[in-house]
Amino acid sequence: WHAYSWCLLYLGALCFEMCFGKHIVSSVTMHVSGPVWYTNVLGMPFMLFFAFFVNNEHTKLPQAHFTVSSTGLLIVSCIIGVGISYSGWHCRSVVTATTYTVVGVMNKILTLV
């Protein structure tokens, strides 16, 4: 039962997130960049919490060697992540919550296959 409870929790969170995201896009008048910035800014405290308090990842930063190519790859990765976020919120504003969920799940399945 314990394994199924995590699946049910994920299903409930996914349904809430998809319907609430569609509600935000439908009822609040803003450019597609608004929800993108909100979700990224709201995620930052959690990311910083895990970086500083969970695995002490911040202690590894002084030992990192940043080269021109690694910095370039980091910047490209950031640009691609922002592009994925923009395309996701734009898609969410165009289609229904169910369609967006099915497209997202199919993308996850295709990346695993």
Protein backbone atom coordinates (compact mmCIF):
# COMPACT_ATOMS: atom_id res chain seq x y z
CA TRP A 1 0.00 0.00 0.00
CA HIS A 2 2.90 2.36 0.73
CA ALA A 3 4.11 2.32 -2.89
CA TYR A 4 0.62 3.02 -4.18
CA SER A 5 0.18 5.92 -1.81
CA TRP A 6 3.09 7.75 -3.51
CA CYS A 7 1.47 7.13 -6.90
CA LEU A 8 -1.86 8.47 -5.66
CA LEU A 9 -0.16 11.48 -4.10
CA TYR A 10 1.62 12.22 -7.40
CA LEU A 11 -1.63 11.79 -9.33
CA GLY A 12 -3.44 14.19 -7.01
CA ALA A 13 -0.64 16.76 -7.16
CA LEU A 14 -0.47 16.47 -10.95
CA CYS A 15 -4.22 16.97 -11.37
CA PHE A 16 -4.21 19.96 -9.02
CA GLU A 17 -1.17 21.54 -10.71
CA MET A 18 -2.55 21.13 -14.23
CA CYS A 19 -6.01 22.45 -13.40
CA PHE A 20 -4.65 25.31 -11.29
CA GLY A 21 -2.14 26.24 -14.01
CA LYS A 22 -4.91 26.34 -16.60
CA HIS A 23 -7.04 28.43 -14.24
CA ILE A 24 -4.20 30.93 -13.80
CA VAL A 25 -3.59 31.19 -17.54
CA SER A 26 -7.32 31.54 -18.28
CA SER A 27 -8.40 33.96 -15.57
CA VAL A 28 -5.39 36.24 -15.05
CA THR A 29 -4.52 38.58 -17.90
CA MET A 30 -0.76 38.55 -18.35
CA HIS A 31 1.86 37.80 -20.94
CA VAL A 32 3.20 34.25 -21.06
CA SER A 33 6.40 35.45 -19.38
CA GLY A 34 4.49 36.19 -16.14
CA PRO A 35 3.85 32.57 -15.11
CA VAL A 36 7.34 31.60 -16.28
CA TRP A 37 8.96 34.12 -13.95
CA TYR A 38 6.60 33.26 -11.09
CA THR A 39 7.32 29.53 -11.23
CA ASN A 40 11.07 30.03 -11.55
CA VAL A 41 11.22 32.57 -8.73
CA LEU A 42 8.99 30.45 -6.47
CA GLY A 43 11.27 27.45 -7.07
CA MET A 44 14.45 29.30 -6.10
CA PRO A 45 14.07 29.15 -2.29
CA PHE A 46 13.60 25.38 -2.42
CA MET A 47 16.62 24.96 -4.69
CA LEU A 48 18.75 27.10 -2.39
CA PHE A 49 17.50 25.21 0.66
CA PHE A 50 18.55 21.88 -0.83
CA ALA A 51 21.87 23.30 -2.01
CA PHE A 52 22.82 24.72 1.37
CA PHE A 53 21.22 22.44 3.94
CA VAL A 54 20.55 18.99 2.53
CA ASN A 55 23.73 17.71 0.86
CA ASN A 56 26.12 20.62 1.48
CA GLU A 57 26.44 21.18 -2.25
CA HIS A 58 27.61 24.75 -1.66
CA THR A 59 30.89 23.40 -0.23
CA LYS A 60 31.77 21.90 -3.62
CA LEU A 61 31.53 25.23 -5.47
CA PRO A 62 35.03 26.54 -4.59
CA GLN A 63 36.52 23.31 -5.94
CA ALA A 64 34.76 23.63 -9.30
CA HIS A 65 36.86 24.55 -12.31
CA PHE A 66 34.97 26.82 -14.68
CA THR A 67 36.36 26.84 -18.19
CA VAL A 68 35.06 28.76 -21.17
CA SER A 69 33.40 25.64 -22.59
CA SER A 70 31.79 24.60 -19.29
CA THR A 71 30.48 28.13 -18.72
CA GLY A 72 29.14 28.20 -22.26
CA LEU A 73 27.37 24.88 -21.74
CA LEU A 74 25.89 26.18 -18.49
CA ILE A 75 24.54 29.27 -20.26
CA VAL A 76 23.13 27.19 -23.13
CA SER A 77 21.50 24.87 -20.59
CA CYS A 78 19.89 27.85 -18.85
CA ILE A 79 18.58 29.22 -22.15
CA ILE A 80 17.12 25.83 -23.09
CA GLY A 81 15.47 25.53 -19.65
CA VAL A 82 13.85 28.94 -19.98
CA GLY A 83 12.72 28.01 -23.50
CA ILE A 84 11.13 24.82 -22.22
CA SER A 85 9.35 26.80 -19.51
CA TYR A 86 8.04 29.37 -22.00
CA SER A 87 6.84 26.70 -24.42
CA GLY A 88 5.15 24.79 -21.61
CA TRP A 89 3.20 27.79 -20.36
CA HIS A 90 2.32 28.84 -23.92
CA CYS A 91 1.07 25.33 -24.66
CA ARG A 92 -0.91 25.37 -21.42
CA SER A 93 -2.61 28.61 -22.46
CA VAL A 94 -3.60 27.20 -25.86
CA VAL A 95 -4.92 23.73 -25.01
CA THR A 96 -7.03 22.21 -22.24
CA ALA A 97 -5.53 20.94 -18.99
CA THR A 98 -6.24 17.35 -20.03
CA THR A 99 -4.51 17.74 -23.39
CA TYR A 100 -1.52 19.37 -21.77
CA THR A 101 -1.27 16.54 -19.24
CA VAL A 102 -1.49 13.87 -21.94
CA VAL A 103 1.19 15.62 -24.01
CA GLY A 104 3.43 15.89 -20.94
CA VAL A 105 3.00 12.23 -20.00
CA MET A 106 3.63 11.11 -23.58
CA ASN A 107 6.84 13.16 -23.65
CA LYS A 108 7.97 11.46 -20.44
CA ILE A 109 7.20 8.05 -21.89
CA LEU A 110 9.01 8.84 -25.14
CA THR A 111 12.13 9.93 -23.27
CA LEU A 112 12.17 6.65 -21.36
CA VAL A 113 11.69 4.45 -24.42
